Amino acid sequence: MAQKKPIRLDGLVYSTNQQFFEDVDPPAATETLPKNEQKLRVLLDKKQRAGKVVTLISGFICAPDDLEALGKQLKTKCGTGGSVKEEQILIQGDYQTKIITWLKEWGYSLTK
């Protein structure tokens, strides 16, 4: 009887084989790009937020800790609340022009 070649299923949901994932490398930690190479976008958004305006900052390529630190710094500077979700910083309120100015002062020269 002919031997079957093992099939590798990348979308596997469940496996009882203990050695199935031994050859899979863990995801590499994201390195933070220098400030002058970060291409950031600052947008206003009010979709699914009960009509309230939120300033979104996206486009960061950095470690999660660095993103949290920048989010905290921006929230403190604006004097308002916000959060860091899905690689975006959300600041409550319309602070688009102020945030763009601050980011450029801090060295994020490619901010729009």
N, C-alpha and C. Protein backbone atom coordinates (compact mmCIF):
# COMPACT_ATOMS: atom_id res chain seq x y z
N MET A 1 0.83 -1.17 0.00
CA MET A 1 0.00 0.00 0.00
C MET A 1 0.88 1.24 0.00
N ALA A 2 0.54 2.21 -0.81
CA ALA A 2 1.33 3.43 -0.92
C ALA A 2 1.15 4.31 0.31
N GLN A 3 2.26 4.94 0.72
CA GLN A 3 2.19 5.83 1.88
C GLN A 3 1.66 7.19 1.44
N LYS A 4 0.82 7.76 2.28
CA LYS A 4 0.29 9.09 2.00
C LYS A 4 1.25 10.13 2.52
N LYS A 5 1.37 11.21 1.77
CA LYS A 5 2.18 12.33 2.24
C LYS A 5 1.38 13.10 3.28
N PRO A 6 2.05 13.59 4.34
CA PRO A 6 1.32 14.38 5.34
C PRO A 6 0.83 15.69 4.74
N ILE A 7 -0.36 16.04 5.10
CA ILE A 7 -0.98 17.27 4.61
C ILE A 7 -0.87 18.32 5.71
N ARG A 8 -0.38 19.50 5.38
CA ARG A 8 -0.24 20.59 6.35
C ARG A 8 -1.42 21.55 6.17
N LEU A 9 -2.25 21.64 7.19
CA LEU A 9 -3.41 22.51 7.13
C LEU A 9 -3.13 23.77 7.96
N ASP A 10 -2.94 24.90 7.29
CA ASP A 10 -2.65 26.15 8.00
C ASP A 10 -3.87 26.68 8.73
N GLY A 11 -5.05 26.34 8.30
CA GLY A 11 -6.26 26.83 8.94
C GLY A 11 -6.84 25.82 9.92
N LEU A 12 -6.00 24.93 10.46
CA LEU A 12 -6.46 23.90 11.37
C LEU A 12 -7.04 24.51 12.63
N VAL A 13 -8.21 24.06 13.02
CA VAL A 13 -8.87 24.58 14.20
C VAL A 13 -8.53 23.75 15.43
N TYR A 14 -8.43 22.44 15.29
CA TYR A 14 -8.21 21.57 16.45
C TYR A 14 -7.38 20.36 16.03
N SER A 15 -6.45 19.99 16.88
CA SER A 15 -5.66 18.80 16.62
C SER A 15 -5.33 18.12 17.94
N THR A 16 -5.38 16.79 17.94
CA THR A 16 -4.99 16.02 19.13
C THR A 16 -3.53 15.60 19.05
N ASN A 17 -2.89 15.87 17.95
CA ASN A 17 -1.49 15.53 17.77
C ASN A 17 -0.63 16.52 18.56
N GLN A 18 0.12 16.02 19.54
CA GLN A 18 0.93 16.88 20.41
C GLN A 18 2.12 17.50 19.67
N GLN A 19 2.57 16.89 18.60
CA GLN A 19 3.75 17.37 17.89
C GLN A 19 3.40 18.20 16.66
N PHE A 20 2.15 18.53 16.47
CA PHE A 20 1.72 19.23 15.26
C PHE A 20 2.33 20.62 15.16
N PHE A 21 2.42 21.35 16.27
CA PHE A 21 2.86 22.74 16.23
C PHE A 21 4.33 22.92 16.66
N GLU A 22 5.08 21.85 16.81
CA GLU A 22 6.46 21.98 17.26
C GLU A 22 7.34 22.70 16.25
N ASP A 23 7.08 22.57 14.97
CA ASP A 23 7.93 23.19 13.96
C ASP A 23 7.48 24.60 13.58
N VAL A 24 6.43 25.10 14.20
CA VAL A 24 5.93 26.43 13.89
C VAL A 24 6.66 27.46 14.74
N ASP A 25 7.24 28.47 14.11
CA ASP A 25 7.95 29.52 14.83
C ASP A 25 6.95 30.49 15.45
N PRO A 26 7.24 30.98 16.65
CA PRO A 26 6.35 31.99 17.25
C PRO A 26 6.46 33.30 16.47
N PRO A 27 5.42 34.11 16.45
CA PRO A 27 5.49 35.37 15.71
C PRO A 27 6.57 36.28 16.28
N ALA A 28 7.28 36.93 15.39
CA ALA A 28 8.37 37.82 15.82
C ALA A 28 7.79 39.10 16.42
N ALA A 29 8.46 39.61 17.42
CA ALA A 29 8.03 40.87 18.05
C ALA A 29 8.26 42.01 17.07
N THR A 30 7.30 42.90 17.01
CA THR A 30 7.40 44.04 16.11
C THR A 30 8.38 45.05 16.69
N GLU A 31 9.31 45.47 15.86
CA GLU A 31 10.26 46.49 16.29
C GLU A 31 9.69 47.86 15.97
N THR A 32 10.01 48.82 16.81
CA THR A 32 9.53 50.17 16.62
C THR A 32 10.39 50.89 15.60
N LEU A 33 9.75 51.44 14.58
CA LEU A 33 10.46 52.24 13.59
C LEU A 33 10.84 53.58 14.21
N PRO A 34 11.89 54.22 13.71
CA PRO A 34 12.21 55.56 14.18
C PRO A 34 11.06 56.53 13.91
N LYS A 35 10.99 57.58 14.72
CA LYS A 35 9.88 58.53 14.62
C LYS A 35 9.78 59.16 13.23
N ASN A 36 10.90 59.47 12.61
CA ASN A 36 10.86 60.15 11.31
C ASN A 36 10.44 59.22 10.17
N GLU A 37 10.34 57.90 10.42
CA GLU A 37 9.90 56.95 9.39
C GLU A 37 8.45 56.50 9.59
N GLN A 38 7.82 56.90 10.67
CA GLN A 38 6.43 56.52 10.95
C GLN A 38 5.49 57.34 10.06
N LYS A 39 4.63 56.67 9.33
CA LYS A 39 3.63 57.34 8.49
C LYS A 39 2.29 57.29 9.22
N LEU A 40 1.99 58.34 9.95
CA LEU A 40 0.80 58.37 10.79
C LEU A 40 -0.34 59.11 10.11
N ARG A 41 -1.55 58.66 10.36
CA ARG A 41 -2.78 59.29 9.86
C ARG A 41 -3.61 59.71 11.06
N VAL A 42 -4.05 60.96 11.07
CA VAL A 42 -4.91 61.47 12.13
C VAL A 42 -6.24 61.82 11.49
N LEU A 43 -7.30 61.13 11.91
CA LEU A 43 -8.62 61.29 11.31
C LEU A 43 -9.67 61.52 12.38
N LEU A 44 -10.76 62.16 11.99
CA LEU A 44 -11.93 62.29 12.86
C LEU A 44 -12.92 61.21 12.48
N ASP A 45 -13.57 60.64 13.48
CA ASP A 45 -14.52 59.57 13.23
C ASP A 45 -15.67 59.68 14.21
N LYS A 46 -16.89 59.41 13.72
CA LYS A 46 -18.03 59.34 14.63
C LYS A 46 -18.97 58.20 14.27
N LYS A 47 -18.48 57.25 13.52
CA LYS A 47 -19.27 56.09 13.15
C LYS A 47 -19.44 55.17 14.34
N GLN A 48 -20.64 54.75 14.60
CA GLN A 48 -21.00 53.83 15.67
C GLN A 48 -20.51 54.31 17.04
N ARG A 49 -20.54 55.62 17.23
CA ARG A 49 -20.13 56.20 18.50
C ARG A 49 -21.22 57.13 19.03
N ALA A 50 -22.45 56.89 18.69
CA ALA A 50 -23.61 57.67 19.13
C ALA A 50 -23.45 59.14 18.77
N GLY A 51 -22.84 59.44 17.62
CA GLY A 51 -22.70 60.81 17.16
C GLY A 51 -21.56 61.58 17.79
N LYS A 52 -20.80 60.97 18.69
CA LYS A 52 -19.70 61.66 19.34
C LYS A 52 -18.43 61.53 18.50
N VAL A 53 -17.65 62.60 18.48
CA VAL A 53 -16.45 62.65 17.64
C VAL A 53 -15.27 62.04 18.40
N VAL A 54 -14.50 61.25 17.67
CA VAL A 54 -13.29 60.63 18.20
C VAL A 54 -12.16 60.91 17.21
N THR A 55 -10.99 61.26 17.72
CA THR A 55 -9.81 61.44 16.88
C THR A 55 -9.05 60.13 16.84
N LEU A 56 -8.84 59.58 15.64
CA LEU A 56 -8.13 58.31 15.46
C LEU A 56 -6.72 58.57 14.94
N ILE A 57 -5.74 57.96 15.56
CA ILE A 57 -4.37 58.02 15.09
C ILE A 57 -3.97 56.61 14.73
N SER A 58 -3.60 56.38 13.47
CA SER A 58 -3.25 55.04 13.01
C SER A 58 -1.99 55.08 12.17
N GLY A 59 -1.47 53.90 11.86
CA GLY A 59 -0.29 53.78 11.02
C GLY A 59 0.99 53.50 11.77
N PHE A 60 0.91 53.23 13.07
CA PHE A 60 2.10 52.96 13.86
C PHE A 60 2.65 51.59 13.53
N ILE A 61 3.96 51.51 13.42
CA ILE A 61 4.64 50.23 13.31
C ILE A 61 5.59 50.20 14.51
N CYS A 62 5.10 49.60 15.58
CA CYS A 62 5.86 49.62 16.82
C CYS A 62 5.41 48.50 17.75
N ALA A 63 6.14 48.37 18.83
CA ALA A 63 5.79 47.41 19.87
C ALA A 63 4.55 47.90 20.61
N PRO A 64 3.72 47.00 21.12
CA PRO A 64 2.50 47.42 21.83
C PRO A 64 2.76 48.35 23.01
N ASP A 65 3.87 48.16 23.72
CA ASP A 65 4.17 49.02 24.86
C ASP A 65 4.43 50.46 24.42
N ASP A 66 5.12 50.64 23.28
CA ASP A 66 5.38 51.98 22.77
C ASP A 66 4.10 52.67 22.34
N LEU A 67 3.18 51.90 21.76
CA LEU A 67 1.89 52.46 21.35
C LEU A 67 1.08 52.90 22.57
N GLU A 68 1.09 52.09 23.62
CA GLU A 68 0.40 52.45 24.86
C GLU A 68 0.98 53.72 25.46
N ALA A 69 2.31 53.83 25.44
CA ALA A 69 2.97 55.00 26.02
C ALA A 69 2.62 56.27 25.26
N LEU A 70 2.60 56.21 23.92
CA LEU A 70 2.24 57.38 23.13
C LEU A 70 0.77 57.73 23.32
N GLY A 71 -0.09 56.72 23.42
CA GLY A 71 -1.51 56.96 23.67
C GLY A 71 -1.72 57.67 25.00
N LYS A 72 -1.00 57.24 26.02
CA LYS A 72 -1.12 57.87 27.34
C LYS A 72 -0.62 59.31 27.29
N GLN A 73 0.47 59.54 26.58
CA GLN A 73 1.02 60.89 26.46
C GLN A 73 0.04 61.82 25.74
N LEU A 74 -0.60 61.34 24.69
CA LEU A 74 -1.56 62.17 23.95
C LEU A 74 -2.81 62.43 24.78
N LYS A 75 -3.29 61.44 25.51
CA LYS A 75 -4.47 61.64 26.36
C LYS A 75 -4.18 62.68 27.45
N THR A 76 -2.99 62.62 28.03
CA THR A 76 -2.61 63.59 29.05
C THR A 76 -2.50 64.98 28.45
N LYS A 77 -1.89 65.09 27.29
CA LYS A 77 -1.70 66.39 26.62
C LYS A 77 -3.05 67.00 26.25
N CYS A 78 -4.01 66.17 25.81
CA CYS A 78 -5.34 66.67 25.43
C CYS A 78 -6.23 66.89 26.65
N GLY A 79 -5.91 66.24 27.75
CA GLY A 79 -6.73 66.36 28.94
C GLY A 79 -8.07 65.67 28.79
N THR A 80 -8.09 64.56 28.09
CA THR A 80 -9.34 63.84 27.83
C THR A 80 -9.08 62.34 27.87
N GLY A 81 -10.13 61.57 27.72
CA GLY A 81 -10.02 60.12 27.73
C GLY A 81 -9.73 59.56 26.36
N GLY A 82 -9.55 58.27 26.34
CA GLY A 82 -9.29 57.59 25.09
C GLY A 82 -8.82 56.18 25.37
N SER A 83 -8.38 55.51 24.32
CA SER A 83 -7.89 54.14 24.48
C SER A 83 -7.00 53.77 23.31
N VAL A 84 -6.37 52.61 23.43
CA VAL A 84 -5.56 52.04 22.36
C VAL A 84 -6.19 50.71 22.00
N LYS A 85 -6.71 50.61 20.77
CA LYS A 85 -7.37 49.40 20.30
C LYS A 85 -6.96 49.11 18.87
N GLU A 86 -6.71 47.85 18.57
CA GLU A 86 -6.46 47.39 17.21
C GLU A 86 -5.41 48.24 16.50
N GLU A 87 -4.30 48.50 17.17
CA GLU A 87 -3.18 49.27 16.62
C GLU A 87 -3.58 50.70 16.26
N GLN A 88 -4.56 51.25 16.94
CA GLN A 88 -4.99 52.64 16.77
C GLN A 88 -5.11 53.30 18.13
N ILE A 89 -4.86 54.60 18.15
CA ILE A 89 -5.10 55.38 19.36
C ILE A 89 -6.39 56.16 19.14
N LEU A 90 -7.32 56.05 20.09
CA LEU A 90 -8.58 56.78 20.02
C LEU A 90 -8.57 57.84 21.11
N ILE A 91 -8.77 59.09 20.74
CA ILE A 91 -8.83 60.21 21.68
C ILE A 91 -10.24 60.78 21.59
N GLN A 92 -10.91 60.92 22.72
CA GLN A 92 -12.28 61.43 22.73
C GLN A 92 -12.27 62.93 22.43
N GLY A 93 -13.00 63.32 21.40
CA GLY A 93 -13.12 64.72 21.04
C GLY A 93 -12.38 65.05 19.75
N ASP A 94 -12.54 66.31 19.32
CA ASP A 94 -11.92 66.79 18.07
C ASP A 94 -10.60 67.48 18.41
N TYR A 95 -9.50 66.73 18.33
CA TYR A 95 -8.17 67.25 18.62
C TYR A 95 -7.24 67.04 17.43
N GLN A 96 -7.79 66.95 16.23
CA GLN A 96 -7.02 66.60 15.05
C GLN A 96 -5.86 67.56 14.81
N THR A 97 -6.11 68.86 14.76
CA THR A 97 -5.03 69.82 14.44
C THR A 97 -3.99 69.88 15.56
N LYS A 98 -4.44 69.81 16.80
CA LYS A 98 -3.50 69.85 17.92
C LYS A 98 -2.60 68.62 17.92
N ILE A 99 -3.18 67.45 17.68
CA ILE A 99 -2.40 66.21 17.70
C ILE A 99 -1.39 66.18 16.55
N ILE A 100 -1.79 66.64 15.38
CA ILE A 100 -0.85 66.71 14.24
C ILE A 100 0.32 67.62 14.59
N THR A 101 0.03 68.77 15.19
CA THR A 101 1.09 69.71 15.58
C THR A 101 2.02 69.09 16.60
N TRP A 102 1.47 68.45 17.63
CA TRP A 102 2.30 67.83 18.67
C TRP A 102 3.15 66.70 18.11
N LEU A 103 2.56 65.85 17.27
CA LEU A 103 3.32 64.74 16.70
C LEU A 103 4.49 65.24 15.85
N LYS A 104 4.27 66.30 15.08
CA LYS A 104 5.36 66.85 14.27
C LYS A 104 6.44 67.46 15.16
N GLU A 105 6.05 68.10 16.27
CA GLU A 105 7.02 68.64 17.22
C GLU A 105 7.84 67.52 17.86
N TRP A 106 7.23 66.37 18.09
CA TRP A 106 7.89 65.24 18.74
C TRP A 106 8.73 64.41 17.77
N GLY A 107 8.75 64.78 16.49
CA GLY A 107 9.62 64.10 15.53
C GLY A 107 8.92 63.19 14.55
N TYR A 108 7.61 63.07 14.61
CA TYR A 108 6.84 62.26 13.64
C TYR A 108 6.56 63.14 12.42
N SER A 109 7.57 63.28 11.56
CA SER A 109 7.49 64.26 10.47
C SER A 109 6.56 63.86 9.33
N LEU A 110 6.21 62.58 9.18
CA LEU A 110 5.35 62.13 8.08
C LEU A 110 3.88 62.06 8.47
N THR A 111 3.47 62.83 9.48
CA THR A 111 2.10 62.80 9.96
C THR A 111 1.21 63.62 9.05
N LYS A 112 0.02 63.08 8.74
CA LYS A 112 -0.98 63.79 7.93
C LYS A 112 -2.30 63.77 8.64
